[in-house]
C-alpha atoms as a PDB file:
ATOM      1  CA  UNK A   1     -27.755 -34.818  -4.878  1.00  0.00           C
ATOM      2  CA  UNK A   2     -29.988 -32.791  -7.180  1.00  0.00           C
ATOM      3  CA  UNK A   3     -30.923 -30.495  -4.285  1.00  0.00           C
ATOM      4  CA  UNK A   4     -27.257 -29.846  -3.486  1.00  0.00           C
ATOM      5  CA  UNK A   5     -26.547 -29.084  -7.153  1.00  0.00           C
ATOM      6  CA  UNK A   6     -29.477 -26.639  -7.253  1.00  0.00           C
ATOM      7  CA  UNK A   7     -28.266 -24.850  -4.115  1.00  0.00           C
ATOM      8  CA  UNK A   8     -24.736 -24.502  -5.505  1.00  0.00           C
ATOM      9  CA  UNK A   9     -26.118 -23.298  -8.851  1.00  0.00           C
ATOM     10  CA  UNK A  10     -28.291 -20.654  -7.161  1.00  0.00           C
ATOM     11  CA  UNK A  11     -25.315 -19.564  -5.051  1.00  0.00           C
ATOM     12  CA  UNK A  12     -23.135 -19.062  -8.152  1.00  0.00           C
ATOM     13  CA  UNK A  13     -25.918 -17.205  -9.976  1.00  0.00           C
ATOM     14  CA  UNK A  14     -26.321 -14.872  -6.986  1.00  0.00           C
ATOM     15  CA  UNK A  15     -22.589 -14.221  -6.884  1.00  0.00           C
ATOM     16  CA  UNK A  16     -22.425 -13.593 -10.620  1.00  0.00           C
ATOM     17  CA  UNK A  17     -25.418 -11.295 -11.029  1.00  0.00           C
ATOM     18  CA  UNK A  18     -26.251  -9.657  -7.687  1.00  0.00           C
ATOM     19  CA  UNK A  19     -23.661  -7.047  -6.606  1.00  0.00           C
ATOM     20  CA  UNK A  20     -25.186  -6.643  -3.134  1.00  0.00           C
ATOM     21  CA  UNK A  21     -24.847 -10.366  -2.430  1.00  0.00           C
ATOM     22  CA  UNK A  22     -21.320 -10.345  -3.864  1.00  0.00           C
ATOM     23  CA  UNK A  23     -20.341  -7.474  -1.557  1.00  0.00           C
ATOM     24  CA  UNK A  24     -21.775  -9.347   1.444  1.00  0.00           C
ATOM     25  CA  UNK A  25     -19.843 -12.535   0.639  1.00  0.00           C
ATOM     26  CA  UNK A  26     -16.655 -10.515   0.078  1.00  0.00           C
ATOM     27  CA  UNK A  27     -17.137  -8.788   3.436  1.00  0.00           C
ATOM     28  CA  UNK A  28     -17.551 -12.141   5.159  1.00  0.00           C
ATOM     29  CA  UNK A  29     -14.475 -13.682   3.598  1.00  0.00           C
ATOM     30  CA  UNK A  30     -11.994 -10.815   3.245  1.00  0.00           C
ATOM     31  CA  UNK A  31     -13.557  -7.571   4.400  1.00  0.00           C
ATOM     32  CA  UNK A  32     -12.998  -7.861   8.138  1.00  0.00           C
ATOM     33  CA  UNK A  33      -9.306  -8.634   7.748  1.00  0.00           C
ATOM     34  CA  UNK A  34      -8.940  -5.848   5.194  1.00  0.00           C
ATOM     35  CA  UNK A  35     -10.602  -3.334   7.501  1.00  0.00           C
ATOM     36  CA  UNK A  36      -8.377  -4.382  10.420  1.00  0.00           C
ATOM     37  CA  UNK A  37      -5.259  -4.005   8.273  1.00  0.00           C
ATOM     38  CA  UNK A  38      -6.372  -0.553   7.104  1.00  0.00           C
ATOM     39  CA  UNK A  39      -6.983   0.522  10.697  1.00  0.00           C
ATOM     40  CA  UNK A  40      -3.515  -0.680  11.742  1.00  0.00           C
ATOM     41  CA  UNK A  41      -1.937   1.193   8.848  1.00  0.00           C
ATOM     42  CA  UNK A  42      -3.893   4.338   9.722  1.00  0.00           C
ATOM     43  CA  UNK A  43      -2.795   4.168  13.381  1.00  0.00           C
ATOM     44  CA  UNK A  44       0.891   3.737  12.495  1.00  0.00           C
ATOM     45  CA  UNK A  45       0.662   6.633  10.034  1.00  0.00           C
ATOM     46  CA  UNK A  46      -0.907   8.834  12.722  1.00  0.00           C
ATOM     47  CA  UNK A  47       1.838   7.894  15.204  1.00  0.00           C
ATOM     48  CA  UNK A  48       4.537   8.771  12.684  1.00  0.00           C
ATOM     49  CA  UNK A  49       2.839  12.093  11.965  1.00  0.00           C
ATOM     50  CA  UNK A  50       2.681  12.896  15.691  1.00  0.00           C
ATOM     51  CA  UNK A  51       6.364  12.067  16.128  1.00  0.00           C
ATOM     52  CA  UNK A  52       7.305  14.287  13.202  1.00  0.00           C
ATOM     53  CA  UNK A  53       5.148  17.156  14.449  1.00  0.00           C
ATOM     54  CA  UNK A  54       6.670  17.120  17.950  1.00  0.00           C
ATOM     55  CA  UNK A  55      10.232  17.661  16.856  1.00  0.00           C
ATOM     56  CA  UNK A  56       9.565  19.846  13.850  1.00  0.00           C
ATOM     57  CA  UNK A  57      11.862  18.933  10.986  1.00  0.00           C
ATOM     58  CA  UNK A  58      13.552  15.544  11.163  1.00  0.00           C
ATOM     59  CA  UNK A  59      17.057  15.315   9.689  1.00  0.00           C
ATOM     60  CA  UNK A  60      19.137  12.151   9.491  1.00  0.00           C
ATOM     61  CA  UNK A  61      22.769  13.135  10.012  1.00  0.00           C
ATOM     62  CA  UNK A  62      25.573  11.413   8.143  1.00  0.00           C
ATOM     63  CA  UNK A  63      28.473  10.317  10.352  1.00  0.00           C
ATOM     64  CA  UNK A  64      31.636  12.383   9.745  1.00  0.00           C
ATOM     65  CA  UNK A  65      33.766   9.389   8.648  1.00  0.00           C
ATOM     66  CA  UNK A  66      31.293   8.199   6.013  1.00  0.00           C
ATOM     67  CA  UNK A  67      31.666  11.246   3.758  1.00  0.00           C
ATOM     68  CA  UNK A  68      35.470  11.012   3.566  1.00  0.00           C
ATOM     69  CA  UNK A  69      35.447   7.556   1.988  1.00  0.00           C
ATOM     70  CA  UNK A  70      33.583   8.889  -1.040  1.00  0.00           C
ATOM     71  CA  UNK A  71      35.842  10.873  -3.381  1.00  0.00           C
ATOM     72  CA  UNK A  72      33.161  11.507  -6.014  1.00  0.00           C
ATOM     73  CA  UNK A  73      33.446  15.108  -7.203  1.00  0.00           C
ATOM     74  CA  UNK A  74      30.941  15.170 -10.018  1.00  0.00           C
ATOM     75  CA  UNK A  75      30.586  13.702 -13.467  1.00  0.00           C
ATOM     76  CA  UNK A  76      31.778  14.535 -16.936  1.00  0.00           C
ATOM     77  CA  UNK A  77      30.033  17.137 -19.037  1.00  0.00           C
ATOM     78  CA  UNK A  78      28.742  15.915 -22.396  1.00  0.00           C
ATOM     79  CA  UNK A  79      27.822  18.186 -25.288  1.00  0.00           C
ATOM     80  CA  UNK A  80      24.398  17.563 -26.727  1.00  0.00           C
ATOM     81  CA  UNK A  81      22.171  18.849 -29.461  1.00  0.00           C
ATOM     82  CA  UNK A  82      18.518  19.493 -28.953  1.00  0.00           C
ATOM     83  CA  UNK A  83      16.444  17.439 -31.390  1.00  0.00           C
ATOM     84  CA  UNK A  84      13.059  18.841 -32.395  1.00  0.00           C
END
């Protein structure tokens, strides 16, 4: 029991005070998944960039019927004073 306690204590001391060991433990637990996720994100970003470069400028057109339902013609003008 005392041996197990000593091992756990040494492990926590290493994690607390040795950055190299901390980085290694982090890489084992989280790092691989994080790297995979970053690679997936990078690949999807590259694919989107390639698609945008092929066609030049990408414009989403508004259907002709959608603009007629909106009768908004601007807002009201309000006088103001500049405060210094």
